[in-house]
């Protein structure tokens, strides 16, 4: 598909690229579309921040809100969503996944397709 949008190339660690691939597949969209959406949402959040707060305070409030929103949604956060919160908050991704898994245990599938 031909587009008039400028092209941006980035280098990512393999594990982040894999998370983006999985997240995009879960949402039935391209990685490019997913990354564009993440960037747009981040820019929108940045523009809405009050300029009177210190950068440290702003980051702490956004991180806490994002984490609480994910956990309180009642829907199991995807690995990609956990990755975003981990990166924004500085909380270890594996620890967040453990917390998610305790709050939202996945049922194991049996051989006959039942859960």
PDB file of N, CA and C in Angstrom:
ATOM      1  N   UNK A   1       0.847  -1.168   0.000  1.00  0.00           N
ATOM      2  CA  UNK A   1       0.000   0.000   0.000  1.00  0.00           C
ATOM      3  C   UNK A   1       0.896   1.235   0.000  1.00  0.00           C
ATOM      4  N   UNK A   2       0.595   2.179  -0.883  1.00  0.00           N
ATOM      5  CA  UNK A   2       1.346   3.416  -0.983  1.00  0.00           C
ATOM      6  C   UNK A   2       0.802   4.403   0.034  1.00  0.00           C
ATOM      7  N   UNK A   3       1.726   5.086   0.741  1.00  0.00           N
ATOM      8  CA  UNK A   3       1.315   6.059   1.734  1.00  0.00           C
ATOM      9  C   UNK A   3       2.170   7.314   1.596  1.00  0.00           C
ATOM     10  N   UNK A   4       1.606   8.445   1.975  1.00  0.00           N
ATOM     11  CA  UNK A   4       2.349   9.698   1.946  1.00  0.00           C
ATOM     12  C   UNK A   4       2.944  10.015   3.311  1.00  0.00           C
ATOM     13  N   UNK A   5       2.778   9.109   4.246  1.00  0.00           N
ATOM     14  CA  UNK A   5       3.325   9.309   5.584  1.00  0.00           C
ATOM     15  C   UNK A   5       4.845   9.137   5.537  1.00  0.00           C
ATOM     16  N   UNK A   6       5.574   9.945   6.320  1.00  0.00           N
ATOM     17  CA  UNK A   6       7.027   9.754   6.380  1.00  0.00           C
ATOM     18  C   UNK A   6       7.370   8.410   7.016  1.00  0.00           C
ATOM     19  N   UNK A   7       8.488   7.858   6.619  1.00  0.00           N
ATOM     20  CA  UNK A   7       8.947   6.572   7.142  1.00  0.00           C
ATOM     21  C   UNK A   7       9.941   6.816   8.271  1.00  0.00           C
ATOM     22  N   UNK A   8       9.811   6.027   9.350  1.00  0.00           N
ATOM     23  CA  UNK A   8      10.724   6.091  10.485  1.00  0.00           C
ATOM     24  C   UNK A   8      11.220   4.679  10.747  1.00  0.00           C
ATOM     25  N   UNK A   9      12.524   4.526  10.861  1.00  0.00           N
ATOM     26  CA  UNK A   9      13.114   3.222  11.168  1.00  0.00           C
ATOM     27  C   UNK A   9      13.711   3.266  12.564  1.00  0.00           C
ATOM     28  N   UNK A  10      13.553   2.160  13.302  1.00  0.00           N
ATOM     29  CA  UNK A  10      14.134   2.074  14.641  1.00  0.00           C
ATOM     30  C   UNK A  10      14.774   0.698  14.816  1.00  0.00           C
ATOM     31  N   UNK A  11      15.689   0.624  15.771  1.00  0.00           N
ATOM     32  CA  UNK A  11      16.304  -0.639  16.141  1.00  0.00           C
ATOM     33  C   UNK A  11      15.771  -1.023  17.513  1.00  0.00           C
ATOM     34  N   UNK A  12      15.324  -2.272  17.647  1.00  0.00           N
ATOM     35  CA  UNK A  12      14.749  -2.748  18.904  1.00  0.00           C
ATOM     36  C   UNK A  12      15.428  -4.035  19.336  1.00  0.00           C
ATOM     37  N   UNK A  13      15.481  -4.264  20.644  1.00  0.00           N
ATOM     38  CA  UNK A  13      15.933  -5.583  21.104  1.00  0.00           C
ATOM     39  C   UNK A  13      14.930  -6.644  20.623  1.00  0.00           C
ATOM     40  N   UNK A  14      15.404  -7.838  20.350  1.00  0.00           N
ATOM     41  CA  UNK A  14      14.526  -8.888  19.827  1.00  0.00           C
ATOM     42  C   UNK A  14      13.297  -9.153  20.697  1.00  0.00           C
ATOM     43  N   UNK A  15      13.450  -9.090  22.031  1.00  0.00           N
ATOM     44  CA  UNK A  15      12.309  -9.389  22.898  1.00  0.00           C
ATOM     45  C   UNK A  15      11.213  -8.328  22.778  1.00  0.00           C
ATOM     46  N   UNK A  16      11.574  -7.077  22.557  1.00  0.00           N
ATOM     47  CA  UNK A  16      10.556  -6.036  22.380  1.00  0.00           C
ATOM     48  C   UNK A  16       9.871  -6.208  21.028  1.00  0.00           C
ATOM     49  N   UNK A  17      10.640  -6.526  20.001  1.00  0.00           N
ATOM     50  CA  UNK A  17      10.043  -6.765  18.676  1.00  0.00           C
ATOM     51  C   UNK A  17       9.065  -7.934  18.748  1.00  0.00           C
ATOM     52  N   UNK A  18       9.435  -8.980  19.463  1.00  0.00           N
ATOM     53  CA  UNK A  18       8.553 -10.139  19.619  1.00  0.00           C
ATOM     54  C   UNK A  18       7.261  -9.749  20.348  1.00  0.00           C
ATOM     55  N   UNK A  19       7.392  -8.938  21.402  1.00  0.00           N
ATOM     56  CA  UNK A  19       6.204  -8.471  22.138  1.00  0.00           C
ATOM     57  C   UNK A  19       5.299  -7.656  21.217  1.00  0.00           C
ATOM     58  N   UNK A  20       5.886  -6.784  20.400  1.00  0.00           N
ATOM     59  CA  UNK A  20       5.080  -5.996  19.462  1.00  0.00           C
ATOM     60  C   UNK A  20       4.387  -6.893  18.444  1.00  0.00           C
ATOM     61  N   UNK A  21       5.103  -7.887  17.938  1.00  0.00           N
ATOM     62  CA  UNK A  21       4.495  -8.832  16.986  1.00  0.00           C
ATOM     63  C   UNK A  21       3.302  -9.547  17.619  1.00  0.00           C
ATOM     64  N   UNK A  22       3.484 -10.034  18.850  1.00  0.00           N
ATOM     65  CA  UNK A  22       2.405 -10.750  19.546  1.00  0.00           C
ATOM     66  C   UNK A  22       1.220  -9.838  19.826  1.00  0.00           C
ATOM     67  N   UNK A  23       1.511  -8.639  20.301  1.00  0.00           N
ATOM     68  CA  UNK A  23       0.460  -7.670  20.623  1.00  0.00           C
ATOM     69  C   UNK A  23      -0.331  -7.327  19.359  1.00  0.00           C
ATOM     70  N   UNK A  24       0.365  -7.049  18.272  1.00  0.00           N
ATOM     71  CA  UNK A  24      -0.311  -6.708  17.010  1.00  0.00           C
ATOM     72  C   UNK A  24      -1.175  -7.875  16.535  1.00  0.00           C
ATOM     73  N   UNK A  25      -0.658  -9.075  16.660  1.00  0.00           N
ATOM     74  CA  UNK A  25      -1.422 -10.261  16.245  1.00  0.00           C
ATOM     75  C   UNK A  25      -2.674 -10.429  17.107  1.00  0.00           C
ATOM     76  N   UNK A  26      -2.539 -10.202  18.426  1.00  0.00           N
ATOM     77  CA  UNK A  26      -3.692 -10.302  19.326  1.00  0.00           C
ATOM     78  C   UNK A  26      -4.798  -9.323  18.933  1.00  0.00           C
ATOM     79  N   UNK A  27      -4.395  -8.164  18.422  1.00  0.00           N
ATOM     80  CA  UNK A  27      -5.363  -7.137  18.055  1.00  0.00           C
ATOM     81  C   UNK A  27      -5.672  -7.132  16.555  1.00  0.00           C
ATOM     82  N   UNK A  28      -5.152  -8.130  15.840  1.00  0.00           N
ATOM     83  CA  UNK A  28      -5.410  -8.300  14.415  1.00  0.00           C
ATOM     84  C   UNK A  28      -5.076  -7.031  13.627  1.00  0.00           C
ATOM     85  N   UNK A  29      -3.865  -6.511  13.852  1.00  0.00           N
ATOM     86  CA  UNK A  29      -3.419  -5.315  13.149  1.00  0.00           C
ATOM     87  C   UNK A  29      -1.936  -5.436  12.855  1.00  0.00           C
ATOM     88  N   UNK A  30      -1.419  -4.542  12.050  1.00  0.00           N
ATOM     89  CA  UNK A  30       0.004  -4.574  11.733  1.00  0.00           C
ATOM     90  C   UNK A  30       0.813  -3.969  12.873  1.00  0.00           C
ATOM     91  N   UNK A  31       2.069  -4.347  12.936  1.00  0.00           N
ATOM     92  CA  UNK A  31       2.965  -3.768  13.940  1.00  0.00           C
ATOM     93  C   UNK A  31       3.081  -2.267  13.692  1.00  0.00           C
ATOM     94  N   UNK A  32       3.161  -1.866  12.438  1.00  0.00           N
ATOM     95  CA  UNK A  32       3.267  -0.445  12.099  1.00  0.00           C
ATOM     96  C   UNK A  32       2.067   0.332  12.635  1.00  0.00           C
ATOM     97  N   UNK A  33       0.863  -0.204  12.441  1.00  0.00           N
ATOM     98  CA  UNK A  33      -0.341   0.463  12.941  1.00  0.00           C
ATOM     99  C   UNK A  33      -0.351   0.504  14.459  1.00  0.00           C
ATOM    100  N   UNK A  34       0.061  -0.574  15.092  1.00  0.00           N
ATOM    101  CA  UNK A  34       0.112  -0.633  16.545  1.00  0.00           C
ATOM    102  C   UNK A  34       1.077   0.408  17.098  1.00  0.00           C
ATOM    103  N   UNK A  35       2.274   0.481  16.535  1.00  0.00           N
ATOM    104  CA  UNK A  35       3.283   1.431  17.006  1.00  0.00           C
ATOM    105  C   UNK A  35       2.804   2.862  16.782  1.00  0.00           C
ATOM    106  N   UNK A  36       2.185   3.118  15.643  1.00  0.00           N
ATOM    107  CA  UNK A  36       1.640   4.462  15.394  1.00  0.00           C
ATOM    108  C   UNK A  36       0.601   4.823  16.462  1.00  0.00           C
ATOM    109  N   UNK A  37      -0.271   3.881  16.808  1.00  0.00           N
ATOM    110  CA  UNK A  37      -1.291   4.120  17.829  1.00  0.00           C
ATOM    111  C   UNK A  37      -0.654   4.389  19.187  1.00  0.00           C
ATOM    112  N   UNK A  38       0.348   3.606  19.556  1.00  0.00           N
ATOM    113  CA  UNK A  38       1.039   3.802  20.832  1.00  0.00           C
ATOM    114  C   UNK A  38       1.674   5.190  20.873  1.00  0.00           C
ATOM    115  N   UNK A  39       2.309   5.582  19.790  1.00  0.00           N
ATOM    116  CA  UNK A  39       2.957   6.892  19.739  1.00  0.00           C
ATOM    117  C   UNK A  39       1.923   8.009  19.826  1.00  0.00           C
ATOM    118  N   UNK A  40       0.827   7.873  19.074  1.00  0.00           N
ATOM    119  CA  UNK A  40      -0.233   8.899  19.136  1.00  0.00           C
ATOM    120  C   UNK A  40      -0.785   9.048  20.554  1.00  0.00           C
ATOM    121  N   UNK A  41      -1.081   7.920  21.215  1.00  0.00           N
ATOM    122  CA  UNK A  41      -1.625   7.956  22.574  1.00  0.00           C
ATOM    123  C   UNK A  41      -0.629   8.575  23.545  1.00  0.00           C
ATOM    124  N   UNK A  42       0.633   8.268  23.386  1.00  0.00           N
ATOM    125  CA  UNK A  42       1.666   8.824  24.261  1.00  0.00           C
ATOM    126  C   UNK A  42       1.785  10.335  24.065  1.00  0.00           C
ATOM    127  N   UNK A  43       1.754  10.778  22.821  1.00  0.00           N
ATOM    128  CA  UNK A  43       1.818  12.219  22.538  1.00  0.00           C
ATOM    129  C   UNK A  43       0.595  12.923  23.114  1.00  0.00           C
ATOM    130  N   UNK A  44      -0.575  12.323  22.967  1.00  0.00           N
ATOM    131  CA  UNK A  44      -1.800  12.919  23.511  1.00  0.00           C
ATOM    132  C   UNK A  44      -1.701  13.051  25.022  1.00  0.00           C
ATOM    133  N   UNK A  45      -1.231  12.005  25.700  1.00  0.00           N
ATOM    134  CA  UNK A  45      -1.062  12.055  27.157  1.00  0.00           C
ATOM    135  C   UNK A  45      -0.065  13.130  27.546  1.00  0.00           C
ATOM    136  N   UNK A  46       1.031  13.225  26.803  1.00  0.00           N
ATOM    137  CA  UNK A  46       2.067  14.215  27.105  1.00  0.00           C
ATOM    138  C   UNK A  46       1.507  15.627  26.975  1.00  0.00           C
ATOM    139  N   UNK A  47       0.719  15.871  25.962  1.00  0.00           N
ATOM    140  CA  UNK A  47       0.149  17.204  25.747  1.00  0.00           C
ATOM    141  C   UNK A  47      -0.868  17.575  26.818  1.00  0.00           C
ATOM    142  N   UNK A  48      -1.529  16.581  27.405  1.00  0.00           N
ATOM    143  CA  UNK A  48      -2.552  16.844  28.414  1.00  0.00           C
ATOM    144  C   UNK A  48      -1.978  17.064  29.804  1.00  0.00           C
ATOM    145  N   UNK A  49      -0.700  16.772  30.003  1.00  0.00           N
ATOM    146  CA  UNK A  49      -0.085  16.910  31.328  1.00  0.00           C
ATOM    147  C   UNK A  49      -0.024  18.379  31.725  1.00  0.00           C
ATOM    148  N   UNK A  50      -0.387  18.689  32.968  1.00  0.00           N
ATOM    149  CA  UNK A  50      -0.207  20.059  33.453  1.00  0.00           C
ATOM    150  C   UNK A  50       1.281  20.400  33.519  1.00  0.00           C
ATOM    151  N   UNK A  51       1.638  21.624  33.130  1.00  0.00           N
ATOM    152  CA  UNK A  51       3.041  22.018  33.101  1.00  0.00           C
ATOM    153  C   UNK A  51       3.540  22.485  34.459  1.00  0.00           C
ATOM    154  N   UNK A  52       2.670  22.545  35.449  1.00  0.00           N
ATOM    155  CA  UNK A  52       3.073  23.041  36.763  1.00  0.00           C
ATOM    156  C   UNK A  52       3.697  21.955  37.628  1.00  0.00           C
ATOM    157  N   UNK A  53       3.523  20.681  37.276  1.00  0.00           N
ATOM    158  CA  UNK A  53       4.070  19.587  38.078  1.00  0.00           C
ATOM    159  C   UNK A  53       5.491  19.284  37.630  1.00  0.00           C
ATOM    160  N   UNK A  54       6.272  18.732  38.544  1.00  0.00           N
ATOM    161  CA  UNK A  54       7.625  18.304  38.177  1.00  0.00           C
ATOM    162  C   UNK A  54       7.521  17.056  37.306  1.00  0.00           C
ATOM    163  N   UNK A  55       8.519  16.834  36.500  1.00  0.00           N
ATOM    164  CA  UNK A  55       8.530  15.659  35.621  1.00  0.00           C
ATOM    165  C   UNK A  55       8.426  14.376  36.429  1.00  0.00           C
ATOM    166  N   UNK A  56       9.106  14.312  37.571  1.00  0.00           N
ATOM    167  CA  UNK A  56       9.081  13.100  38.398  1.00  0.00           C
ATOM    168  C   UNK A  56       7.673  12.817  38.898  1.00  0.00           C
ATOM    169  N   UNK A  57       6.962  13.822  39.355  1.00  0.00           N
ATOM    170  CA  UNK A  57       5.604  13.641  39.869  1.00  0.00           C
ATOM    171  C   UNK A  57       4.676  13.192  38.750  1.00  0.00           C
ATOM    172  N   UNK A  58       4.797  13.807  37.589  1.00  0.00           N
ATOM    173  CA  UNK A  58       3.944  13.436  36.456  1.00  0.00           C
ATOM    174  C   UNK A  58       4.124  11.970  36.111  1.00  0.00           C
ATOM    175  N   UNK A  59       5.365  11.517  36.020  1.00  0.00           N
ATOM    176  CA  UNK A  59       5.647  10.133  35.653  1.00  0.00           C
ATOM    177  C   UNK A  59       5.060   9.169  36.671  1.00  0.00           C
ATOM    178  N   UNK A  60       5.233   9.457  37.957  1.00  0.00           N
ATOM    179  CA  UNK A  60       4.713   8.571  38.993  1.00  0.00           C
ATOM    180  C   UNK A  60       3.205   8.453  38.901  1.00  0.00           C
ATOM    181  N   UNK A  61       2.498   9.555  38.682  1.00  0.00           N
ATOM    182  CA  UNK A  61       1.041   9.520  38.610  1.00  0.00           C
ATOM    183  C   UNK A  61       0.564   8.757  37.377  1.00  0.00           C
ATOM    184  N   UNK A  62       1.202   8.959  36.254  1.00  0.00           N
ATOM    185  CA  UNK A  62       0.792   8.265  35.034  1.00  0.00           C
ATOM    186  C   UNK A  62       1.061   6.771  35.168  1.00  0.00           C
ATOM    187  N   UNK A  63       2.198   6.408  35.717  1.00  0.00           N
ATOM    188  CA  UNK A  63       2.518   4.994  35.875  1.00  0.00           C
ATOM    189  C   UNK A  63       1.505   4.300  36.778  1.00  0.00           C
ATOM    190  N   UNK A  64       1.214   4.924  37.910  1.00  0.00           N
ATOM    191  CA  UNK A  64       0.257   4.344  38.846  1.00  0.00           C
ATOM    192  C   UNK A  64      -1.113   4.228  38.203  1.00  0.00           C
ATOM    193  N   UNK A  65      -1.524   5.238  37.467  1.00  0.00           N
ATOM    194  CA  UNK A  65      -2.832   5.205  36.812  1.00  0.00           C
ATOM    195  C   UNK A  65      -2.888   4.106  35.757  1.00  0.00           C
ATOM    196  N   UNK A  66      -1.834   3.984  34.963  1.00  0.00           N
ATOM    197  CA  UNK A  66      -1.818   2.958  33.919  1.00  0.00           C
ATOM    198  C   UNK A  66      -1.870   1.565  34.525  1.00  0.00           C
ATOM    199  N   UNK A  67      -1.083   1.353  35.565  1.00  0.00           N
ATOM    200  CA  UNK A  67      -1.063   0.045  36.210  1.00  0.00           C
ATOM    201  C   UNK A  67      -2.410  -0.277  36.845  1.00  0.00           C
ATOM    202  N   UNK A  68      -2.966   0.675  37.572  1.00  0.00           N
ATOM    203  CA  UNK A  68      -4.266   0.452  38.213  1.00  0.00           C
ATOM    204  C   UNK A  68      -5.368   0.223  37.179  1.00  0.00           C
ATOM    205  N   UNK A  69      -5.329   0.977  36.098  1.00  0.00           N
ATOM    206  CA  UNK A  69      -6.338   0.812  35.054  1.00  0.00           C
ATOM    207  C   UNK A  69      -6.276  -0.589  34.457  1.00  0.00           C
ATOM    208  N   UNK A  70      -5.073  -1.069  34.193  1.00  0.00           N
ATOM    209  CA  UNK A  70      -4.932  -2.423  33.649  1.00  0.00           C
ATOM    210  C   UNK A  70      -5.463  -3.475  34.616  1.00  0.00           C
ATOM    211  N   UNK A  71      -5.096  -3.348  35.885  1.00  0.00           N
ATOM    212  CA  UNK A  71      -5.483  -4.361  36.860  1.00  0.00           C
ATOM    213  C   UNK A  71      -6.969  -4.289  37.220  1.00  0.00           C
ATOM    214  N   UNK A  72      -7.544  -3.090  37.184  1.00  0.00           N
ATOM    215  CA  UNK A  72      -8.942  -2.924  37.575  1.00  0.00           C
ATOM    216  C   UNK A  72      -9.911  -3.143  36.422  1.00  0.00           C
ATOM    217  N   UNK A  73      -9.400  -3.297  35.231  1.00  0.00           N
ATOM    218  CA  UNK A  73     -10.277  -3.398  34.062  1.00  0.00           C
ATOM    219  C   UNK A  73     -11.115  -4.681  34.049  1.00  0.00           C
ATOM    220  N   UNK A  74     -10.653  -5.693  34.787  1.00  0.00           N
ATOM    221  CA  UNK A  74     -11.373  -6.966  34.775  1.00  0.00           C
ATOM    222  C   UNK A  74     -11.006  -7.827  33.579  1.00  0.00           C
ATOM    223  N   UNK A  75     -10.202  -7.285  32.677  1.00  0.00           N
ATOM    224  CA  UNK A  75      -9.742  -8.012  31.495  1.00  0.00           C
ATOM    225  C   UNK A  75      -8.259  -8.296  31.663  1.00  0.00           C
ATOM    226  N   UNK A  76      -7.850  -9.517  31.408  1.00  0.00           N
ATOM    227  CA  UNK A  76      -6.442  -9.892  31.548  1.00  0.00           C
ATOM    228  C   UNK A  76      -5.588  -9.048  30.610  1.00  0.00           C
ATOM    229  N   UNK A  77      -4.633  -8.274  31.146  1.00  0.00           N
ATOM    230  CA  UNK A  77      -3.756  -7.473  30.290  1.00  0.00           C
ATOM    231  C   UNK A  77      -2.887  -8.375  29.419  1.00  0.00           C
ATOM    232  N   UNK A  78      -2.679  -7.974  28.187  1.00  0.00           N
ATOM    233  CA  UNK A  78      -1.818  -8.729  27.278  1.00  0.00           C
ATOM    234  C   UNK A  78      -0.362  -8.526  27.674  1.00  0.00           C
ATOM    235  N   UNK A  79       0.510  -9.361  27.132  1.00  0.00           N
ATOM    236  CA  UNK A  79       1.942  -9.187  27.378  1.00  0.00           C
ATOM    237  C   UNK A  79       2.388  -7.813  26.891  1.00  0.00           C
ATOM    238  N   UNK A  80       1.852  -7.365  25.777  1.00  0.00           N
ATOM    239  CA  UNK A  80       2.212  -6.055  25.251  1.00  0.00           C
ATOM    240  C   UNK A  80       1.813  -4.927  26.184  1.00  0.00           C
ATOM    241  N   UNK A  81       0.622  -5.020  26.765  1.00  0.00           N
ATOM    242  CA  UNK A  81       0.175  -3.992  27.710  1.00  0.00           C
ATOM    243  C   UNK A  81       1.059  -3.994  28.957  1.00  0.00           C
ATOM    244  N   UNK A  82       1.418  -5.175  29.420  1.00  0.00           N
ATOM    245  CA  UNK A  82       2.301  -5.278  30.579  1.00  0.00           C
ATOM    246  C   UNK A  82       3.664  -4.666  30.245  1.00  0.00           C
ATOM    247  N   UNK A  83       4.157  -4.921  29.043  1.00  0.00           N
ATOM    248  CA  UNK A  83       5.441  -4.373  28.611  1.00  0.00           C
ATOM    249  C   UNK A  83       5.421  -2.847  28.617  1.00  0.00           C
ATOM    250  N   UNK A  84       4.346  -2.259  28.105  1.00  0.00           N
ATOM    251  CA  UNK A  84       4.241  -0.797  28.071  1.00  0.00           C
ATOM    252  C   UNK A  84       4.268  -0.226  29.479  1.00  0.00           C
ATOM    253  N   UNK A  85       3.470  -0.794  30.390  1.00  0.00           N
ATOM    254  CA  UNK A  85       3.437  -0.303  31.772  1.00  0.00           C
ATOM    255  C   UNK A  85       4.808  -0.487  32.424  1.00  0.00           C
ATOM    256  N   UNK A  86       5.441  -1.633  32.184  1.00  0.00           N
ATOM    257  CA  UNK A  86       6.765  -1.876  32.769  1.00  0.00           C
ATOM    258  C   UNK A  86       7.766  -0.835  32.280  1.00  0.00           C
ATOM    259  N   UNK A  87       7.749  -0.553  30.989  1.00  0.00           N
ATOM    260  CA  UNK A  87       8.686   0.427  30.446  1.00  0.00           C
ATOM    261  C   UNK A  87       8.402   1.831  30.964  1.00  0.00           C
ATOM    262  N   UNK A  88       7.138   2.185  31.088  1.00  0.00           N
ATOM    263  CA  UNK A  88       6.788   3.524  31.551  1.00  0.00           C
ATOM    264  C   UNK A  88       7.053   3.699  33.046  1.00  0.00           C
ATOM    265  N   UNK A  89       6.899   2.628  33.802  1.00  0.00           N
ATOM    266  CA  UNK A  89       6.983   2.753  35.259  1.00  0.00           C
ATOM    267  C   UNK A  89       8.347   2.394  35.825  1.00  0.00           C
ATOM    268  N   UNK A  90       9.136   1.656  35.059  1.00  0.00           N
ATOM    269  CA  UNK A  90      10.409   1.194  35.588  1.00  0.00           C
ATOM    270  C   UNK A  90      10.258  -0.042  36.467  1.00  0.00           C
ATOM    271  N   UNK A  91       9.051  -0.607  36.513  1.00  0.00           N
ATOM    272  CA  UNK A  91       8.799  -1.837  37.269  1.00  0.00           C
ATOM    273  C   UNK A  91       9.225  -3.011  36.399  1.00  0.00           C
ATOM    274  N   UNK A  92       9.851  -3.995  36.995  1.00  0.00           N
ATOM    275  CA  UNK A  92      10.318  -5.165  36.271  1.00  0.00           C
ATOM    276  C   UNK A  92       9.154  -5.847  35.544  1.00  0.00           C
ATOM    277  N   UNK A  93       9.321  -6.059  34.261  1.00  0.00           N
ATOM    278  CA  UNK A  93       8.262  -6.665  33.436  1.00  0.00           C
ATOM    279  C   UNK A  93       7.850  -8.040  33.951  1.00  0.00           C
ATOM    280  N   UNK A  94       8.814  -8.863  34.339  1.00  0.00           N
ATOM    281  CA  UNK A  94       8.490 -10.208  34.820  1.00  0.00           C
ATOM    282  C   UNK A  94       7.685 -10.161  36.113  1.00  0.00           C
ATOM    283  N   UNK A  95       7.999  -9.201  36.982  1.00  0.00           N
ATOM    284  CA  UNK A  95       7.231  -9.054  38.225  1.00  0.00           C
ATOM    285  C   UNK A  95       5.794  -8.643  37.922  1.00  0.00           C
ATOM    286  N   UNK A  96       5.612  -7.748  36.961  1.00  0.00           N
ATOM    287  CA  UNK A  96       4.251  -7.351  36.573  1.00  0.00           C
ATOM    288  C   UNK A  96       3.486  -8.530  35.962  1.00  0.00           C
ATOM    289  N   UNK A  97       4.180  -9.338  35.173  1.00  0.00           N
ATOM    290  CA  UNK A  97       3.528 -10.514  34.598  1.00  0.00           C
ATOM    291  C   UNK A  97       3.116 -11.500  35.686  1.00  0.00           C
ATOM    292  N   UNK A  98       3.969 -11.665  36.713  1.00  0.00           N
ATOM    293  CA  UNK A  98       3.612 -12.553  37.830  1.00  0.00           C
ATOM    294  C   UNK A  98       2.373 -12.035  38.552  1.00  0.00           C
ATOM    295  N   UNK A  99       2.333 -10.725  38.777  1.00  0.00           N
ATOM    296  CA  UNK A  99       1.165 -10.117  39.424  1.00  0.00           C
ATOM    297  C   UNK A  99      -0.080 -10.324  38.569  1.00  0.00           C
ATOM    298  N   UNK A 100       0.046 -10.067  37.265  1.00  0.00           N
ATOM    299  CA  UNK A 100      -1.082 -10.276  36.355  1.00  0.00           C
ATOM    300  C   UNK A 100      -1.559 -11.723  36.396  1.00  0.00           C
ATOM    301  N   UNK A 101      -0.611 -12.648  36.379  1.00  0.00           N
ATOM    302  CA  UNK A 101      -0.967 -14.066  36.366  1.00  0.00           C
ATOM    303  C   UNK A 101      -1.636 -14.513  37.669  1.00  0.00           C
ATOM    304  N   UNK A 102      -1.259 -13.877  38.787  1.00  0.00           N
ATOM    305  CA  UNK A 102      -1.941 -14.181  40.053  1.00  0.00           C
ATOM    306  C   UNK A 102      -3.362 -13.638  40.050  1.00  0.00           C
ATOM    307  N   UNK A 103      -3.534 -12.458  39.477  1.00  0.00           N
ATOM    308  CA  UNK A 103      -4.861 -11.833  39.452  1.00  0.00           C
ATOM    309  C   UNK A 103      -5.764 -12.417  38.361  1.00  0.00           C
ATOM    310  N   UNK A 104      -5.152 -12.848  37.269  1.00  0.00           N
ATOM    311  CA  UNK A 104      -5.913 -13.361  36.124  1.00  0.00           C
ATOM    312  C   UNK A 104      -5.316 -14.693  35.676  1.00  0.00           C
ATOM    313  N   UNK A 105      -5.502 -15.750  36.464  1.00  0.00           N
ATOM    314  CA  UNK A 105      -4.909 -17.042  36.077  1.00  0.00           C
ATOM    315  C   UNK A 105      -5.542 -17.557  34.786  1.00  0.00           C
ATOM    316  N   UNK A 106      -4.694 -18.118  33.938  1.00  0.00           N
ATOM    317  CA  UNK A 106      -5.197 -18.718  32.706  1.00  0.00           C
ATOM    318  C   UNK A 106      -5.503 -20.175  32.977  1.00  0.00           C
ATOM    319  N   UNK A 107      -6.657 -20.585  32.476  1.00  0.00           N
ATOM    320  CA  UNK A 107      -7.003 -21.999  32.618  1.00  0.00           C
ATOM    321  C   UNK A 107      -6.264 -22.790  31.563  1.00  0.00           C
ATOM    322  N   UNK A 108      -5.769 -23.937  31.962  1.00  0.00           N
ATOM    323  CA  UNK A 108      -5.053 -24.787  31.007  1.00  0.00           C
ATOM    324  C   UNK A 108      -6.053 -25.560  30.178  1.00  0.00           C
ATOM    325  N   UNK A 109      -5.751 -25.661  28.886  1.00  0.00           N
ATOM    326  CA  UNK A 109      -6.627 -26.405  27.981  1.00  0.00           C
ATOM    327  C   UNK A 109      -6.338 -27.891  28.110  1.00  0.00           C
ATOM    328  N   UNK A 110      -7.399 -28.675  28.051  1.00  0.00           N
ATOM    329  CA  UNK A 110      -7.243 -30.134  28.059  1.00  0.00           C
ATOM    330  C   UNK A 110      -7.186 -30.609  26.625  1.00  0.00           C
ATOM    331  N   UNK A 111      -6.877 -31.848  26.450  1.00  0.00           N
ATOM    332  CA  UNK A 111      -6.732 -32.431  25.111  1.00  0.00           C
ATOM    333  C   UNK A 111      -8.003 -32.358  24.270  1.00  0.00           C
ATOM    334  N   UNK A 112      -9.198 -32.270  24.889  1.00  0.00           N
ATOM    335  CA  UNK A 112     -10.431 -32.270  24.128  1.00  0.00           C
ATOM    336  C   UNK A 112     -10.923 -30.862  23.807  1.00  0.00           C
ATOM    337  N   UNK A 113     -10.112 -29.835  24.093  1.00  0.00           N
ATOM    338  CA  UNK A 113     -10.488 -28.452  23.782  1.00  0.00           C
ATOM    339  C   UNK A 113     -11.218 -27.746  24.909  1.00  0.00           C
ATOM    340  N   UNK A 114     -11.586 -28.475  25.967  1.00  0.00           N
ATOM    341  CA  UNK A 114     -12.271 -27.846  27.096  1.00  0.00           C
ATOM    342  C   UNK A 114     -11.257 -27.159  27.979  1.00  0.00           C
ATOM    343  N   UNK A 115     -11.714 -26.138  28.720  1.00  0.00           N
ATOM    344  CA  UNK A 115     -10.792 -25.432  29.620  1.00  0.00           C
ATOM    345  C   UNK A 115     -11.145 -25.719  31.059  1.00  0.00           C
TER     346      UNK A 115
END
